[in-house]
Amino acid sequence: MPQSDAMTCYDVFNGDADGIASLLQLRLAHPADARLVTGPKRDIRLVERVAAVAGDEVIVLDVALAANRAAVERLLAAGVRVEYFDHHDTGPGPLPADLVAHLDRAPDVCTGILVDRHLGGTQRIWAVVAAFGDNLPEQAHALAGPLALDASDLAQLAALADVLTYNTYADRLDDAIVAPDVLFQTLLAARDPLRFVRDDAVFARIDAARRRDLAAAASLEPAYRRPGAHVYILPDAAWTRRIRGIFGNEVARREPTLAHAVLSRGDHGEFVVSVRAPRAQPTGADVLCRAFATGNGRSAAAGIQRLASADLDRFVACLDRAYPGPG
């Protein structure tokens, strides 16, 4: 991905742990003065914002091609080189012509793993962060095997992944502790994730907020208990929007045979839904969520952007059918 003087490079990435850690791998291996296009976790139609022209290059990481196909096809038709790394839904039909694609929807893959494969493991430690961030601890430990990291190092990388996920999981940038583009630049300057965790005041600030918010969530009980799934409905507040993702990961790890849904109110007044398939059988979350108009995601973890209160009972019934539990 060499950059010429005549072209502009755009880095388009999800603001969560996987998106940030994926781009860090690429830019540590191949530095470029790129324009950053990102947003909070749920802001996935990012390619629409790119105003590239013929000869420019656009790198897209960790946002579903299904939600960005029209924008990608527009750029390709204009003579823009587009390279895409992702593990989400690609949408119907063949891939757009001329797209340089690194796509894999397997449930044990995240975008950071795809970038790690592309780079031959040269920035592997950031792939470990990406895997932890997408709730793939087994894959994170496997990736870390050749790196001679001890248990303390791995715990710090997992904490960093939680911090990155927590920071930008909310629906709007105002809820983030640090804007994702600023956080990416800070991490790029730090280069070493372990040094960032140990020494950087930015990590300490976000982590303190994360711990405070998780402590506030510790007393939450499921609003619905089904044989194969639990549903949590969080209070309507900025802190609950931030913890939605890591809280979902935490309860999924705690009860690996159950599916989990975590709901909170979005700016639009309707529910935003995060679904985690059972860790013991991480499939079906994407199919469940796509039964609703604004649902999407991957088989192990998916979500619904807008769920009306009137549709809550239908959602719980669908969740119950998708994950009926033992027997």
C-alpha atoms as a PDB file:
ATOM      1  CA  MET A   1       0.000   0.000   0.000  1.00  0.00           C
ATOM      2  CA  PRO A   2       2.630   2.581  -0.990  1.00  0.00           C
ATOM      3  CA  GLN A   3       1.444   6.187  -1.096  1.00  0.00           C
ATOM      4  CA  SER A   4       2.424   8.479  -3.976  1.00  0.00           C
ATOM      5  CA  ASP A   5       2.641  12.255  -3.731  1.00  0.00           C
ATOM      6  CA  ALA A   6      -0.290  12.650  -6.132  1.00  0.00           C
ATOM      7  CA  MET A   7      -2.829  10.587  -4.233  1.00  0.00           C
ATOM      8  CA  THR A   8      -4.844  11.052  -1.079  1.00  0.00           C
ATOM      9  CA  CYS A   9      -5.271   8.095   1.240  1.00  0.00           C
ATOM     10  CA  TYR A  10      -8.358   7.630   3.419  1.00  0.00           C
ATOM     11  CA  ASP A  11      -8.432   5.260   6.392  1.00  0.00           C
ATOM     12  CA  VAL A  12     -12.037   4.313   7.156  1.00  0.00           C
ATOM     13  CA  PHE A  13     -12.429   2.325  10.362  1.00  0.00           C
ATOM     14  CA  ASN A  14     -14.865   1.352  13.075  1.00  0.00           C
ATOM     15  CA  GLY A  15     -14.052   3.231  16.283  1.00  0.00           C
ATOM     16  CA  ASP A  16     -14.128   0.086  18.436  1.00  0.00           C
ATOM     17  CA  ALA A  17     -11.220  -2.086  19.596  1.00  0.00           C
ATOM     18  CA  ASP A  18     -11.152  -4.273  16.493  1.00  0.00           C
ATOM     19  CA  GLY A  19     -11.301  -1.357  14.085  1.00  0.00           C
ATOM     20  CA  ILE A  20      -8.652   0.712  15.852  1.00  0.00           C
ATOM     21  CA  ALA A  21      -6.295  -2.223  16.459  1.00  0.00           C
ATOM     22  CA  SER A  22      -6.674  -3.313  12.832  1.00  0.00           C
ATOM     23  CA  LEU A  23      -5.704   0.103  11.495  1.00  0.00           C
ATOM     24  CA  LEU A  24      -2.823   0.315  13.967  1.00  0.00           C
ATOM     25  CA  GLN A  25      -1.370  -2.864  12.499  1.00  0.00           C
ATOM     26  CA  LEU A  26      -1.570  -1.486   8.979  1.00  0.00           C
ATOM     27  CA  ARG A  27      -0.139   1.934   9.750  1.00  0.00           C
ATOM     28  CA  LEU A  28       2.663   0.667  11.937  1.00  0.00           C
ATOM     29  CA  ALA A  29       3.664  -1.638   9.069  1.00  0.00           C
ATOM     30  CA  HIS A  30       2.945   0.871   6.275  1.00  0.00           C
ATOM     31  CA  PRO A  31       2.954   4.488   7.520  1.00  0.00           C
ATOM     32  CA  ALA A  32       0.837   6.939   5.539  1.00  0.00           C
ATOM     33  CA  ASP A  33      -0.445  10.459   5.982  1.00  0.00           C
ATOM     34  CA  ALA A  34      -4.064   9.385   5.657  1.00  0.00           C
ATOM     35  CA  ARG A  35      -7.327  11.178   6.316  1.00  0.00           C
ATOM     36  CA  LEU A  36      -9.202   9.410   9.096  1.00  0.00           C
ATOM     37  CA  VAL A  37     -12.908   8.595   8.758  1.00  0.00           C
ATOM     38  CA  THR A  38     -14.436   6.968  11.829  1.00  0.00           C
ATOM     39  CA  GLY A  39     -17.128   7.234  14.452  1.00  0.00           C
ATOM     40  CA  PRO A  40     -18.729   5.430  17.376  1.00  0.00           C
ATOM     41  CA  LYS A  41     -19.346   1.700  17.263  1.00  0.00           C
ATOM     42  CA  ARG A  42     -22.782   1.846  15.665  1.00  0.00           C
ATOM     43  CA  ASP A  43     -21.843   4.394  12.995  1.00  0.00           C
ATOM     44  CA  ILE A  44     -21.059   1.980  10.172  1.00  0.00           C
ATOM     45  CA  ARG A  45     -22.032   3.808   6.961  1.00  0.00           C
ATOM     46  CA  LEU A  46     -18.662   5.441   6.941  1.00  0.00           C
ATOM     47  CA  VAL A  47     -17.664   5.013   3.297  1.00  0.00           C
ATOM     48  CA  GLU A  48     -20.449   7.428   2.300  1.00  0.00           C
ATOM     49  CA  ARG A  49     -18.385  10.236   3.843  1.00  0.00           C
ATOM     50  CA  VAL A  50     -15.364   9.658   1.610  1.00  0.00           C
ATOM     51  CA  ALA A  51     -14.954  12.169  -1.224  1.00  0.00           C
ATOM     52  CA  ALA A  52     -12.035  10.445  -2.960  1.00  0.00           C
ATOM     53  CA  VAL A  53     -11.242  10.951  -6.650  1.00  0.00           C
ATOM     54  CA  ALA A  54      -9.459   8.928  -9.320  1.00  0.00           C
ATOM     55  CA  GLY A  55      -6.003   7.854  -8.167  1.00  0.00           C
ATOM     56  CA  ASP A  56      -6.840   8.049  -4.466  1.00  0.00           C
ATOM     57  CA  GLU A  57      -6.805   5.060  -2.128  1.00  0.00           C
ATOM     58  CA  VAL A  58      -9.398   4.077   0.482  1.00  0.00           C
ATOM     59  CA  ILE A  59      -8.695   1.456   3.146  1.00  0.00           C
ATOM     60  CA  VAL A  60     -11.820   0.209   4.971  1.00  0.00           C
ATOM     61  CA  LEU A  61     -11.649  -1.790   8.189  1.00  0.00           C
ATOM     62  CA  ASP A  62     -14.304  -3.454  10.323  1.00  0.00           C
ATOM     63  CA  VAL A  63     -17.501  -2.009   8.864  1.00  0.00           C
ATOM     64  CA  ALA A  64     -19.951  -4.251   7.030  1.00  0.00           C
ATOM     65  CA  LEU A  65     -19.696  -4.164   3.252  1.00  0.00           C
ATOM     66  CA  ALA A  66     -23.459  -4.779   3.112  1.00  0.00           C
ATOM     67  CA  ALA A  67     -24.035  -1.315   4.583  1.00  0.00           C
ATOM     68  CA  ASN A  68     -21.439   0.363   2.349  1.00  0.00           C
ATOM     69  CA  ARG A  69     -21.804  -1.348  -1.040  1.00  0.00           C
ATOM     70  CA  ALA A  70     -23.277   1.618  -2.894  1.00  0.00           C
ATOM     71  CA  ALA A  71     -20.547   3.947  -1.642  1.00  0.00           C
ATOM     72  CA  VAL A  72     -17.808   1.426  -2.455  1.00  0.00           C
ATOM     73  CA  GLU A  73     -19.167   0.926  -5.974  1.00  0.00           C
ATOM     74  CA  ARG A  74     -19.290   4.716  -6.460  1.00  0.00           C
ATOM     75  CA  LEU A  75     -15.636   5.032  -5.493  1.00  0.00           C
ATOM     76  CA  LEU A  76     -14.516   2.124  -7.662  1.00  0.00           C
ATOM     77  CA  ALA A  77     -16.400   3.550 -10.653  1.00  0.00           C
ATOM     78  CA  ALA A  78     -14.581   6.864 -10.116  1.00  0.00           C
ATOM     79  CA  GLY A  79     -11.172   5.154 -10.334  1.00  0.00           C
ATOM     80  CA  VAL A  80     -10.434   4.973  -6.609  1.00  0.00           C
ATOM     81  CA  ARG A  81      -8.538   1.960  -5.282  1.00  0.00           C
ATOM     82  CA  VAL A  82     -10.537   0.416  -2.433  1.00  0.00           C
ATOM     83  CA  GLU A  83      -9.108  -2.248  -0.116  1.00  0.00           C
ATOM     84  CA  TYR A  84     -11.505  -3.818   2.381  1.00  0.00           C
ATOM     85  CA  PHE A  85     -10.818  -5.799   5.566  1.00  0.00           C
ATOM     86  CA  ASP A  86     -13.888  -7.105   7.380  1.00  0.00           C
ATOM     87  CA  HIS A  87     -15.685 -10.064   8.969  1.00  0.00           C
ATOM     88  CA  HIS A  88     -19.298  -8.851   8.796  1.00  0.00           C
ATOM     89  CA  ASP A  89     -22.120  -9.279   6.303  1.00  0.00           C
ATOM     90  CA  THR A  90     -21.126  -8.638   2.688  1.00  0.00           C
ATOM     91  CA  GLY A  91     -24.684  -8.403   1.380  1.00  0.00           C
ATOM     92  CA  PRO A  92     -26.213 -10.264  -1.563  1.00  0.00           C
ATOM     93  CA  GLY A  93     -24.523 -10.892  -4.863  1.00  0.00           C
ATOM     94  CA  PRO A  94     -20.891 -11.029  -5.967  1.00  0.00           C
ATOM     95  CA  LEU A  95     -18.305  -8.653  -4.588  1.00  0.00           C
ATOM     96  CA  PRO A  96     -17.922  -5.340  -6.420  1.00  0.00           C
ATOM     97  CA  ALA A  97     -15.553  -5.560  -9.370  1.00  0.00           C
ATOM     98  CA  ASP A  98     -11.993  -4.364  -8.674  1.00  0.00           C
ATOM     99  CA  LEU A  99     -12.469  -4.393  -4.885  1.00  0.00           C
ATOM    100  CA  VAL A 100      -9.336  -5.629  -3.095  1.00  0.00           C
ATOM    101  CA  ALA A 101     -11.089  -7.786  -0.515  1.00  0.00           C
ATOM    102  CA  HIS A 102      -9.910  -9.488   2.677  1.00  0.00           C
ATOM    103  CA  LEU A 103     -13.227 -10.854   3.936  1.00  0.00           C
ATOM    104  CA  ASP A 104     -14.044 -13.780   6.213  1.00  0.00           C
ATOM    105  CA  ARG A 105     -17.329 -14.207   8.102  1.00  0.00           C
ATOM    106  CA  ALA A 106     -16.245 -17.186  10.241  1.00  0.00           C
ATOM    107  CA  PRO A 107     -17.341 -16.781  13.895  1.00  0.00           C
ATOM    108  CA  ASP A 108     -13.770 -17.234  15.177  1.00  0.00           C
ATOM    109  CA  VAL A 109     -12.367 -14.371  13.077  1.00  0.00           C
ATOM    110  CA  CYS A 110     -12.227 -10.602  13.598  1.00  0.00           C
ATOM    111  CA  THR A 111     -10.872  -7.888  11.328  1.00  0.00           C
ATOM    112  CA  GLY A 112      -7.650  -7.687  13.321  1.00  0.00           C
ATOM    113  CA  ILE A 113      -6.984 -11.355  12.557  1.00  0.00           C
ATOM    114  CA  LEU A 114      -7.498 -10.697   8.839  1.00  0.00           C
ATOM    115  CA  VAL A 115      -4.999  -7.835   8.946  1.00  0.00           C
ATOM    116  CA  ASP A 116      -2.585 -10.040  10.904  1.00  0.00           C
ATOM    117  CA  ARG A 117      -2.798 -12.644   8.129  1.00  0.00           C
ATOM    118  CA  HIS A 118      -2.241  -9.984   5.478  1.00  0.00           C
ATOM    119  CA  LEU A 119       0.863  -8.656   7.251  1.00  0.00           C
ATOM    120  CA  GLY A 120       2.259 -12.056   8.131  1.00  0.00           C
ATOM    121  CA  GLY A 121       2.091 -11.340  11.853  1.00  0.00           C
ATOM    122  CA  THR A 122       4.498  -8.393  11.835  1.00  0.00           C
ATOM    123  CA  GLN A 123       2.284  -6.375  14.221  1.00  0.00           C
ATOM    124  CA  ARG A 124       0.838  -9.379  16.025  1.00  0.00           C
ATOM    125  CA  ILE A 125       0.456  -7.815  19.465  1.00  0.00           C
ATOM    126  CA  TRP A 126      -2.230  -5.460  18.125  1.00  0.00           C
ATOM    127  CA  ALA A 127      -4.060  -8.440  16.605  1.00  0.00           C
ATOM    128  CA  VAL A 128      -4.199  -9.859  20.128  1.00  0.00           C
ATOM    129  CA  VAL A 129      -5.885  -6.647  21.293  1.00  0.00           C
ATOM    130  CA  ALA A 130      -8.347  -6.857  18.392  1.00  0.00           C
ATOM    131  CA  ALA A 131      -9.279 -10.453  19.225  1.00  0.00           C
ATOM    132  CA  PHE A 132      -9.807  -9.645  22.902  1.00  0.00           C
ATOM    133  CA  GLY A 133     -11.927  -6.679  21.847  1.00  0.00           C
ATOM    134  CA  ASP A 134     -14.226  -8.867  19.744  1.00  0.00           C
ATOM    135  CA  ASN A 135     -14.686 -11.311  22.630  1.00  0.00           C
ATOM    136  CA  LEU A 136     -12.435 -13.981  21.093  1.00  0.00           C
ATOM    137  CA  PRO A 137     -10.176 -14.812  24.059  1.00  0.00           C
ATOM    138  CA  GLU A 138      -9.157 -18.238  22.767  1.00  0.00           C
ATOM    139  CA  GLN A 139      -8.008 -16.721  19.478  1.00  0.00           C
ATOM    140  CA  ALA A 140      -6.244 -13.914  21.361  1.00  0.00           C
ATOM    141  CA  HIS A 141      -4.269 -16.418  23.436  1.00  0.00           C
ATOM    142  CA  ALA A 142      -3.408 -18.449  20.336  1.00  0.00           C
ATOM    143  CA  LEU A 143      -2.149 -15.346  18.541  1.00  0.00           C
ATOM    144  CA  ALA A 144      -0.098 -14.390  21.591  1.00  0.00           C
ATOM    145  CA  GLY A 145       1.645 -17.763  21.740  1.00  0.00           C
ATOM    146  CA  PRO A 146       4.762 -16.771  19.740  1.00  0.00           C
ATOM    147  CA  LEU A 147       5.110 -13.412  21.512  1.00  0.00           C
ATOM    148  CA  ALA A 148       6.433 -14.663  24.872  1.00  0.00           C
ATOM    149  CA  LEU A 149       3.879 -12.659  26.828  1.00  0.00           C
ATOM    150  CA  ASP A 150       3.205 -13.531  30.450  1.00  0.00           C
ATOM    151  CA  ALA A 151      -0.174 -13.670  32.199  1.00  0.00           C
ATOM    152  CA  SER A 152       0.142 -10.069  33.351  1.00  0.00           C
ATOM    153  CA  ASP A 153       0.835  -8.870  29.812  1.00  0.00           C
ATOM    154  CA  LEU A 154      -2.210 -10.711  28.476  1.00  0.00           C
ATOM    155  CA  ALA A 155      -4.399  -9.289  31.220  1.00  0.00           C
ATOM    156  CA  GLN A 156      -3.243  -5.779  30.304  1.00  0.00           C
ATOM    157  CA  LEU A 157      -3.944  -6.349  26.600  1.00  0.00           C
ATOM    158  CA  ALA A 158      -7.428  -7.622  27.474  1.00  0.00           C
ATOM    159  CA  ALA A 159      -7.980  -4.539  29.644  1.00  0.00           C
ATOM    160  CA  LEU A 160      -6.888  -2.293  26.774  1.00  0.00           C
ATOM    161  CA  ALA A 161      -9.349  -4.051  24.456  1.00  0.00           C
ATOM    162  CA  ASP A 162     -12.144  -3.443  26.960  1.00  0.00           C
ATOM    163  CA  VAL A 163     -11.134   0.211  27.261  1.00  0.00           C
ATOM    164  CA  LEU A 164     -11.220   0.700  23.483  1.00  0.00           C
ATOM    165  CA  THR A 165     -14.567  -1.073  23.185  1.00  0.00           C
ATOM    166  CA  TYR A 166     -16.065   0.849  26.084  1.00  0.00           C
ATOM    167  CA  ASN A 167     -14.850   4.243  24.877  1.00  0.00           C
ATOM    168  CA  THR A 168     -16.759   4.324  21.600  1.00  0.00           C
ATOM    169  CA  TYR A 169     -19.609   1.852  22.006  1.00  0.00           C
ATOM    170  CA  ALA A 170     -22.119   4.639  22.560  1.00  0.00           C
ATOM    171  CA  ASP A 171     -24.366   6.011  19.846  1.00  0.00           C
ATOM    172  CA  ARG A 172     -22.824   9.462  19.613  1.00  0.00           C
ATOM    173  CA  LEU A 173     -19.359  10.925  19.912  1.00  0.00           C
ATOM    174  CA  ASP A 174     -20.441  13.107  22.841  1.00  0.00           C
ATOM    175  CA  ASP A 175     -20.660   9.941  24.958  1.00  0.00           C
ATOM    176  CA  ALA A 176     -17.075   8.878  24.189  1.00  0.00           C
ATOM    177  CA  ILE A 177     -14.381   9.688  26.714  1.00  0.00           C
ATOM    178  CA  VAL A 178     -11.892  10.297  23.855  1.00  0.00           C
ATOM    179  CA  ALA A 179     -12.878  10.685  20.183  1.00  0.00           C
ATOM    180  CA  PRO A 180     -11.832   7.538  18.264  1.00  0.00           C
ATOM    181  CA  ASP A 181      -9.657   9.370  15.735  1.00  0.00           C
ATOM    182  CA  VAL A 182      -7.777  11.112  18.565  1.00  0.00           C
ATOM    183  CA  LEU A 183      -7.442   7.815  20.420  1.00  0.00           C
ATOM    184  CA  PHE A 184      -6.049   6.129  17.301  1.00  0.00           C
ATOM    185  CA  GLN A 185      -3.428   8.852  16.861  1.00  0.00           C
ATOM    186  CA  THR A 186      -2.453   8.556  20.536  1.00  0.00           C
ATOM    187  CA  LEU A 187      -2.029   4.793  20.225  1.00  0.00           C
ATOM    188  CA  LEU A 188      -0.101   5.134  16.965  1.00  0.00           C
ATOM    189  CA  ALA A 189       2.346   7.473  18.679  1.00  0.00           C
ATOM    190  CA  ALA A 190       2.676   5.066  21.616  1.00  0.00           C
ATOM    191  CA  ARG A 191       3.262   2.073  19.267  1.00  0.00           C
ATOM    192  CA  ASP A 192       3.509  -0.408  22.170  1.00  0.00           C
ATOM    193  CA  PRO A 193       0.148  -1.327  23.741  1.00  0.00           C
ATOM    194  CA  LEU A 194       1.729  -2.520  26.986  1.00  0.00           C
ATOM    195  CA  ARG A 195       3.591   0.742  27.466  1.00  0.00           C
ATOM    196  CA  PHE A 196       0.388   2.640  26.729  1.00  0.00           C
ATOM    197  CA  VAL A 197      -1.477   0.686  29.408  1.00  0.00           C
ATOM    198  CA  ARG A 198       1.253   1.123  32.004  1.00  0.00           C
ATOM    199  CA  ASP A 199       2.254   4.728  31.430  1.00  0.00           C
ATOM    200  CA  ASP A 200      -0.288   6.769  29.474  1.00  0.00           C
ATOM    201  CA  ALA A 201      -2.719   9.050  31.284  1.00  0.00           C
ATOM    202  CA  VAL A 202      -5.263   8.587  28.473  1.00  0.00           C
ATOM    203  CA  PHE A 203      -5.575   4.886  29.293  1.00  0.00           C
ATOM    204  CA  ALA A 204      -5.871   5.634  33.004  1.00  0.00           C
ATOM    205  CA  ARG A 205      -8.641   8.179  32.395  1.00  0.00           C
ATOM    206  CA  ILE A 206     -10.753   5.898  30.200  1.00  0.00           C
ATOM    207  CA  ASP A 207     -10.133   2.866  32.397  1.00  0.00           C
ATOM    208  CA  ALA A 208     -11.222   4.711  35.531  1.00  0.00           C
ATOM    209  CA  ALA A 209     -14.494   5.664  33.837  1.00  0.00           C
ATOM    210  CA  ARG A 210     -14.952   2.100  32.597  1.00  0.00           C
ATOM    211  CA  ARG A 211     -14.470   0.628  36.063  1.00  0.00           C
ATOM    212  CA  ARG A 212     -16.859   3.150  37.580  1.00  0.00           C
ATOM    213  CA  ASP A 213     -19.544   2.408  35.013  1.00  0.00           C
ATOM    214  CA  LEU A 214     -19.162  -1.361  35.304  1.00  0.00           C
ATOM    215  CA  ALA A 215     -19.452  -1.097  39.075  1.00  0.00           C
ATOM    216  CA  ALA A 216     -22.722   0.753  38.574  1.00  0.00           C
ATOM    217  CA  ALA A 217     -23.927  -2.076  36.331  1.00  0.00           C
ATOM    218  CA  ALA A 218     -22.943  -4.858  38.740  1.00  0.00           C
ATOM    219  CA  SER A 219     -26.341  -4.899  40.428  1.00  0.00           C
ATOM    220  CA  LEU A 220     -28.352  -5.119  37.194  1.00  0.00           C
ATOM    221  CA  GLU A 221     -30.569  -8.178  36.852  1.00  0.00           C
ATOM    222  CA  PRO A 222     -32.077  -9.589  33.652  1.00  0.00           C
ATOM    223  CA  ALA A 223     -35.451  -8.110  32.733  1.00  0.00           C
ATOM    224  CA  TYR A 224     -36.314 -11.418  31.052  1.00  0.00           C
ATOM    225  CA  ARG A 225     -35.004 -14.883  31.914  1.00  0.00           C
ATOM    226  CA  ARG A 226     -35.570 -17.600  29.341  1.00  0.00           C
ATOM    227  CA  PRO A 227     -34.188 -21.170  29.360  1.00  0.00           C
ATOM    228  CA  GLY A 228     -31.622 -20.305  26.702  1.00  0.00           C
ATOM    229  CA  ALA A 229     -31.235 -16.535  26.975  1.00  0.00           C
ATOM    230  CA  HIS A 230     -31.220 -13.544  29.302  1.00  0.00           C
ATOM    231  CA  VAL A 231     -32.299 -10.011  28.357  1.00  0.00           C
ATOM    232  CA  TYR A 232     -30.955  -6.936  30.155  1.00  0.00           C
ATOM    233  CA  ILE A 233     -32.568  -3.512  29.774  1.00  0.00           C
ATOM    234  CA  LEU A 234     -30.170  -0.780  30.870  1.00  0.00           C
ATOM    235  CA  PRO A 235     -31.144   2.629  32.277  1.00  0.00           C
ATOM    236  CA  ASP A 236     -31.176   5.495  29.780  1.00  0.00           C
ATOM    237  CA  ALA A 237     -27.845   7.236  30.429  1.00  0.00           C
ATOM    238  CA  ALA A 238     -24.525   7.926  28.702  1.00  0.00           C
ATOM    239  CA  TRP A 239     -22.690   5.445  30.942  1.00  0.00           C
ATOM    240  CA  THR A 240     -25.018   2.595  30.006  1.00  0.00           C
ATOM    241  CA  ARG A 241     -24.546   3.316  26.307  1.00  0.00           C
ATOM    242  CA  ARG A 242     -20.786   3.081  26.780  1.00  0.00           C
ATOM    243  CA  ILE A 243     -20.847  -0.221  28.664  1.00  0.00           C
ATOM    244  CA  ARG A 244     -23.393  -1.921  26.414  1.00  0.00           C
ATOM    245  CA  GLY A 245     -20.710  -3.841  24.529  1.00  0.00           C
ATOM    246  CA  ILE A 246     -18.357  -4.818  27.333  1.00  0.00           C
ATOM    247  CA  PHE A 247     -21.277  -5.620  29.633  1.00  0.00           C
ATOM    248  CA  GLY A 248     -22.611  -7.956  26.947  1.00  0.00           C
ATOM    249  CA  ASN A 249     -19.193  -9.581  26.628  1.00  0.00           C
ATOM    250  CA  GLU A 250     -18.912  -9.938  30.394  1.00  0.00           C
ATOM    251  CA  VAL A 251     -22.259 -11.666  30.920  1.00  0.00           C
ATOM    252  CA  ALA A 252     -21.583 -13.872  27.878  1.00  0.00           C
ATOM    253  CA  ARG A 253     -18.308 -15.036  29.422  1.00  0.00           C
ATOM    254  CA  ARG A 254     -19.989 -15.570  32.791  1.00  0.00           C
ATOM    255  CA  GLU A 255     -22.779 -17.752  31.361  1.00  0.00           C
ATOM    256  CA  PRO A 256     -21.327 -19.365  28.215  1.00  0.00           C
ATOM    257  CA  THR A 257     -24.279 -21.683  27.545  1.00  0.00           C
ATOM    258  CA  LEU A 258     -26.775 -18.816  27.312  1.00  0.00           C
ATOM    259  CA  ALA A 259     -27.447 -16.162  24.700  1.00  0.00           C
ATOM    260  CA  HIS A 260     -27.637 -12.585  25.951  1.00  0.00           C
ATOM    261  CA  ALA A 261     -29.316  -9.422  24.743  1.00  0.00           C
ATOM    262  CA  VAL A 262     -28.477  -6.005  26.165  1.00  0.00           C
ATOM    263  CA  LEU A 263     -30.849  -3.125  25.396  1.00  0.00           C
ATOM    264  CA  SER A 264     -30.502   0.576  26.019  1.00  0.00           C
ATOM    265  CA  ARG A 265     -32.230   3.668  24.656  1.00  0.00           C
ATOM    266  CA  GLY A 266     -30.741   5.415  21.649  1.00  0.00           C
ATOM    267  CA  ASP A 267     -30.979   9.087  20.722  1.00  0.00           C
ATOM    268  CA  HIS A 268     -34.042   8.243  18.660  1.00  0.00           C
ATOM    269  CA  GLY A 269     -35.896   7.071  21.776  1.00  0.00           C
ATOM    270  CA  GLU A 270     -36.086   3.449  20.659  1.00  0.00           C
ATOM    271  CA  PHE A 271     -34.023   0.547  21.934  1.00  0.00           C
ATOM    272  CA  VAL A 272     -30.548  -0.212  20.632  1.00  0.00           C
ATOM    273  CA  VAL A 273     -29.907  -3.946  20.969  1.00  0.00           C
ATOM    274  CA  SER A 274     -26.676  -5.928  21.334  1.00  0.00           C
ATOM    275  CA  VAL A 275     -26.940  -9.716  21.059  1.00  0.00           C
ATOM    276  CA  ARG A 276     -24.310 -12.272  22.033  1.00  0.00           C
ATOM    277  CA  ALA A 277     -24.799 -15.878  20.940  1.00  0.00           C
ATOM    278  CA  PRO A 278     -23.843 -18.524  23.519  1.00  0.00           C
ATOM    279  CA  ARG A 279     -20.075 -18.823  23.672  1.00  0.00           C
ATOM    280  CA  ALA A 280     -20.521 -22.592  23.718  1.00  0.00           C
ATOM    281  CA  GLN A 281     -22.232 -22.363  20.300  1.00  0.00           C
ATOM    282  CA  PRO A 282     -21.543 -18.929  18.780  1.00  0.00           C
ATOM    283  CA  THR A 283     -24.004 -18.898  15.900  1.00  0.00           C
ATOM    284  CA  GLY A 284     -27.304 -17.338  14.903  1.00  0.00           C
ATOM    285  CA  ALA A 285     -27.058 -13.810  16.295  1.00  0.00           C
ATOM    286  CA  ASP A 286     -26.908 -12.273  12.818  1.00  0.00           C
ATOM    287  CA  VAL A 287     -29.927 -14.230  11.563  1.00  0.00           C
ATOM    288  CA  LEU A 288     -31.924 -13.231  14.644  1.00  0.00           C
ATOM    289  CA  CYS A 289     -31.105  -9.529  14.321  1.00  0.00           C
ATOM    290  CA  ARG A 290     -31.676  -9.378  10.569  1.00  0.00           C
ATOM    291  CA  ALA A 291     -35.285 -10.450  11.210  1.00  0.00           C
ATOM    292  CA  PHE A 292     -35.706  -6.793  12.276  1.00  0.00           C
ATOM    293  CA  ALA A 293     -35.417  -3.902   9.830  1.00  0.00           C
ATOM    294  CA  THR A 294     -32.276  -2.320  11.296  1.00  0.00           C
ATOM    295  CA  GLY A 295     -30.550  -5.508  12.428  1.00  0.00           C
ATOM    296  CA  ASN A 296     -27.146  -6.712  11.265  1.00  0.00           C
ATOM    297  CA  GLY A 297     -23.917  -8.219  12.536  1.00  0.00           C
ATOM    298  CA  ARG A 298     -22.103 -11.538  12.590  1.00  0.00           C
ATOM    299  CA  SER A 299     -23.053 -15.000  13.772  1.00  0.00           C
ATOM    300  CA  ALA A 300     -21.516 -14.695  17.248  1.00  0.00           C
ATOM    301  CA  ALA A 301     -22.481 -11.081  17.962  1.00  0.00           C
ATOM    302  CA  ALA A 302     -24.986  -8.819  16.270  1.00  0.00           C
ATOM    303  CA  GLY A 303     -27.295  -5.911  16.960  1.00  0.00           C
ATOM    304  CA  ILE A 304     -30.383  -3.923  16.079  1.00  0.00           C
ATOM    305  CA  GLN A 305     -30.044  -0.180  15.610  1.00  0.00           C
ATOM    306  CA  ARG A 306     -33.679   0.697  16.360  1.00  0.00           C
ATOM    307  CA  LEU A 307     -36.180  -1.522  18.135  1.00  0.00           C
ATOM    308  CA  ALA A 308     -39.514   0.105  18.985  1.00  0.00           C
ATOM    309  CA  SER A 309     -40.904  -0.545  22.450  1.00  0.00           C
ATOM    310  CA  ALA A 310     -43.913  -2.144  20.760  1.00  0.00           C
ATOM    311  CA  ASP A 311     -41.575  -4.738  19.220  1.00  0.00           C
ATOM    312  CA  LEU A 312     -39.877  -5.721  22.482  1.00  0.00           C
ATOM    313  CA  ASP A 313     -42.117  -8.721  23.164  1.00  0.00           C
ATOM    314  CA  ARG A 314     -41.664  -9.931  19.584  1.00  0.00           C
ATOM    315  CA  PHE A 315     -37.895  -9.621  19.930  1.00  0.00           C
ATOM    316  CA  VAL A 316     -37.872 -11.623  23.172  1.00  0.00           C
ATOM    317  CA  ALA A 317     -40.032 -14.293  21.535  1.00  0.00           C
ATOM    318  CA  CYS A 318     -37.643 -14.473  18.556  1.00  0.00           C
ATOM    319  CA  LEU A 319     -34.668 -14.702  20.921  1.00  0.00           C
ATOM    320  CA  ASP A 320     -36.394 -17.499  22.804  1.00  0.00           C
ATOM    321  CA  ARG A 321     -37.010 -19.434  19.571  1.00  0.00           C
ATOM    322  CA  ALA A 322     -33.469 -18.881  18.345  1.00  0.00           C
ATOM    323  CA  TYR A 323     -31.943 -20.042  21.626  1.00  0.00           C
ATOM    324  CA  PRO A 324     -34.412 -22.406  23.310  1.00  0.00           C
ATOM    325  CA  GLY A 325     -31.891 -23.737  25.802  1.00  0.00           C
ATOM    326  CA  PRO A 326     -31.372 -27.334  26.949  1.00  0.00           C
ATOM    327  CA  GLY A 327     -33.377 -30.043  25.281  1.00  0.00           C
END
